[in-house]
């Protein structure tokens, strides 16, 4: 069984390659609030919908003090294609060995069309300025998730 993070837990640090050929660390974002969302595969219909929702909400999320980072097991080259194809304006990081996804409880057993499979569990984590988990949501829906997250964070007034 995958261990799930709870509010107050220290967010596992990471140092991962990005779509643009750089690297991103959670430690490098310290002092900022971060929305880290885990998705199964770049350029699939659900993941595209979710990424475009984050893209379209990015300005208002950033105005509220949040940075957005997407994480998947895709190779950086595939992420770069995803960023270019859909004009994504936030960093995507590659976790090919799934170690960071596993540390966040976002990789493990899940139901897919009624069967139990191993895979990425679509999840979202809100990390505070000190690197602590503020909110951990597992098995989120791709469609409508960003709007729900905004409500959960009290950003829709």
Protein backbone atom coordinates (compact mmCIF):
# COMPACT_ATOMS: atom_id res chain seq x y z
CA UNK A 1 0.00 0.00 0.00
CA UNK A 2 1.27 3.43 -0.92
CA UNK A 3 1.87 5.84 1.96
CA UNK A 4 -0.13 9.02 1.51
CA UNK A 5 1.00 12.42 2.69
CA UNK A 6 -1.08 14.39 5.19
CA UNK A 7 -1.26 18.11 5.97
CA UNK A 8 1.69 19.04 8.19
CA UNK A 9 4.02 16.39 6.70
CA UNK A 10 7.33 17.59 5.29
CA UNK A 11 7.11 17.53 1.49
CA UNK A 12 9.74 15.19 0.03
CA UNK A 13 12.44 17.25 -1.66
CA UNK A 14 13.32 16.58 -5.27
CA UNK A 15 15.83 17.57 -7.93
CA UNK A 16 14.42 16.66 -11.34
CA UNK A 17 15.03 17.50 -14.99
CA UNK A 18 12.59 19.92 -16.61
CA UNK A 19 11.04 20.10 -20.07
CA UNK A 20 13.37 22.99 -21.00
CA UNK A 21 16.56 21.05 -20.22
CA UNK A 22 17.14 22.57 -16.78
CA UNK A 23 16.58 21.18 -13.32
CA UNK A 24 14.06 22.10 -10.64
CA UNK A 25 14.33 21.47 -6.91
CA UNK A 26 11.64 21.86 -4.30
CA UNK A 27 14.27 23.51 -2.09
CA UNK A 28 14.75 26.13 -4.81
CA UNK A 29 11.08 27.10 -4.37
CA UNK A 30 11.33 27.52 -0.59
CA UNK A 31 9.63 30.69 0.55
CA UNK A 32 6.91 30.28 -2.08
CA UNK A 33 3.68 28.31 -2.05
CA UNK A 34 3.75 25.48 -4.59
CA UNK A 35 1.01 23.48 -6.25
CA UNK A 36 2.65 20.22 -7.36
CA UNK A 37 0.35 18.10 -9.46
CA UNK A 38 1.07 14.54 -10.57
CA UNK A 39 -0.39 13.27 -13.83
CA UNK A 40 0.01 9.94 -15.65
CA UNK A 41 1.14 10.89 -19.17
CA UNK A 42 1.76 14.01 -21.23
CA UNK A 43 -0.45 14.66 -24.24
CA UNK A 44 -3.23 12.23 -23.26
CA UNK A 45 -6.73 13.75 -23.29
CA UNK A 46 -7.25 14.01 -19.50
CA UNK A 47 -3.73 15.20 -18.78
CA UNK A 48 -3.96 17.79 -21.55
CA UNK A 49 -7.27 19.10 -20.17
CA UNK A 50 -5.78 19.37 -16.66
CA UNK A 51 -2.56 21.05 -17.86
CA UNK A 52 -4.52 23.57 -19.94
CA UNK A 53 -6.76 24.32 -16.94
CA UNK A 54 -3.64 25.07 -14.85
CA UNK A 55 -2.23 27.17 -17.73
CA UNK A 56 -5.46 29.16 -18.01
CA UNK A 57 -5.58 29.73 -14.22
CA UNK A 58 -1.85 30.40 -13.78
CA UNK A 59 -1.99 34.20 -13.63
CA UNK A 60 -4.63 34.20 -10.89
CA UNK A 61 -2.86 31.40 -8.97
CA UNK A 62 0.42 33.32 -9.15
CA UNK A 63 -1.36 36.52 -8.09
CA UNK A 64 -2.47 34.58 -5.00
CA UNK A 65 1.15 33.54 -4.35
CA UNK A 66 1.18 30.02 -5.82
CA UNK A 67 3.69 28.49 -8.22
CA UNK A 68 2.50 25.50 -10.29
CA UNK A 69 4.68 22.50 -11.18
CA UNK A 70 3.55 19.38 -13.04
CA UNK A 71 5.27 16.01 -12.51
CA UNK A 72 5.03 12.82 -14.54
CA UNK A 73 7.23 9.86 -15.51
CA UNK A 74 7.56 11.18 -19.07
CA UNK A 75 11.01 11.84 -20.53
CA UNK A 76 12.03 15.54 -20.70
CA UNK A 77 11.82 15.49 -24.53
CA UNK A 78 8.17 14.41 -24.41
CA UNK A 79 7.48 17.10 -21.80
CA UNK A 80 9.09 19.69 -24.08
CA UNK A 81 6.75 18.65 -26.90
CA UNK A 82 3.77 18.91 -24.50
CA UNK A 83 4.85 22.40 -23.37
CA UNK A 84 5.25 23.59 -26.96
CA UNK A 85 2.10 21.94 -28.32
CA UNK A 86 -0.18 23.33 -25.60
CA UNK A 87 1.68 26.59 -24.80
CA UNK A 88 2.15 25.56 -21.16
CA UNK A 89 3.59 28.39 -19.08
CA UNK A 90 4.70 26.56 -15.92
CA UNK A 91 7.45 23.99 -15.35
CA UNK A 92 6.99 20.29 -15.99
CA UNK A 93 9.44 17.91 -14.33
CA UNK A 94 10.38 14.37 -15.33
CA UNK A 95 10.42 11.58 -12.73
CA UNK A 96 11.31 8.66 -15.00
CA UNK A 97 12.14 6.27 -12.15
CA UNK A 98 8.97 7.32 -10.29
CA UNK A 99 10.90 7.73 -7.01
CA UNK A 100 9.50 11.20 -6.28
CA UNK A 101 5.98 10.18 -7.31
CA UNK A 102 6.29 7.20 -4.95
CA UNK A 103 7.57 9.41 -2.10
CA UNK A 104 4.47 11.59 -2.52
CA UNK A 105 2.17 8.56 -2.57
CA UNK A 106 1.27 9.37 -6.18
CA UNK A 107 2.49 6.10 -7.69
CA UNK A 108 1.15 2.69 -6.79
CA UNK A 109 -1.93 0.55 -7.08
CA UNK A 110 -4.96 2.16 -8.62
CA UNK A 111 -8.13 1.09 -10.37
CA UNK A 112 -8.20 1.56 -14.10
CA UNK A 113 -11.39 0.48 -15.86
CA UNK A 114 -12.18 -1.87 -12.98
CA UNK A 115 -8.74 -3.55 -12.91
CA UNK A 116 -6.03 -3.01 -10.30
CA UNK A 117 -2.88 -1.69 -11.99
CA UNK A 118 0.37 0.03 -10.98
CA UNK A 119 0.57 3.60 -12.16
CA UNK A 120 0.55 7.31 -11.46
CA UNK A 121 -2.30 8.30 -9.15
CA UNK A 122 -3.54 11.68 -10.36
CA UNK A 123 -2.83 13.83 -7.29
CA UNK A 124 -2.30 17.42 -6.23
CA UNK A 125 -0.19 18.74 -3.36
CA UNK A 126 -0.19 22.26 -1.99
CA UNK A 127 3.14 22.93 -0.27
CA UNK A 128 3.59 25.93 2.00
CA UNK A 129 6.52 28.35 2.11
CA UNK A 130 8.33 26.15 4.66
CA UNK A 131 8.06 22.98 2.57
CA UNK A 132 5.18 21.43 4.52
CA UNK A 133 2.15 19.78 2.95
CA UNK A 134 -0.83 22.09 3.29
CA UNK A 135 -3.22 19.98 1.21
CA UNK A 136 -2.88 16.51 -0.34
CA UNK A 137 -5.55 15.34 -2.77
CA UNK A 138 -5.44 11.87 -4.35
CA UNK A 139 -7.44 10.36 -7.21
CA UNK A 140 -8.50 13.78 -8.44
CA UNK A 141 -10.46 14.16 -11.66
CA UNK A 142 -8.70 15.78 -14.60
CA UNK A 143 -11.75 17.79 -15.63
CA UNK A 144 -12.82 20.49 -13.20
CA UNK A 145 -9.99 19.84 -10.74
CA UNK A 146 -8.40 23.30 -10.96
CA UNK A 147 -11.74 24.99 -10.25
CA UNK A 148 -12.27 22.68 -7.26
CA UNK A 149 -8.73 23.34 -6.03
CA UNK A 150 -9.32 27.10 -6.26
CA UNK A 151 -12.47 26.69 -4.15
CA UNK A 152 -10.61 24.47 -1.64
CA UNK A 153 -7.91 27.17 -1.31
CA UNK A 154 -10.50 29.92 -0.90
CA UNK A 155 -9.38 31.68 -4.08
CA UNK A 156 -12.83 31.97 -5.66
CA UNK A 157 -14.60 34.82 -3.99
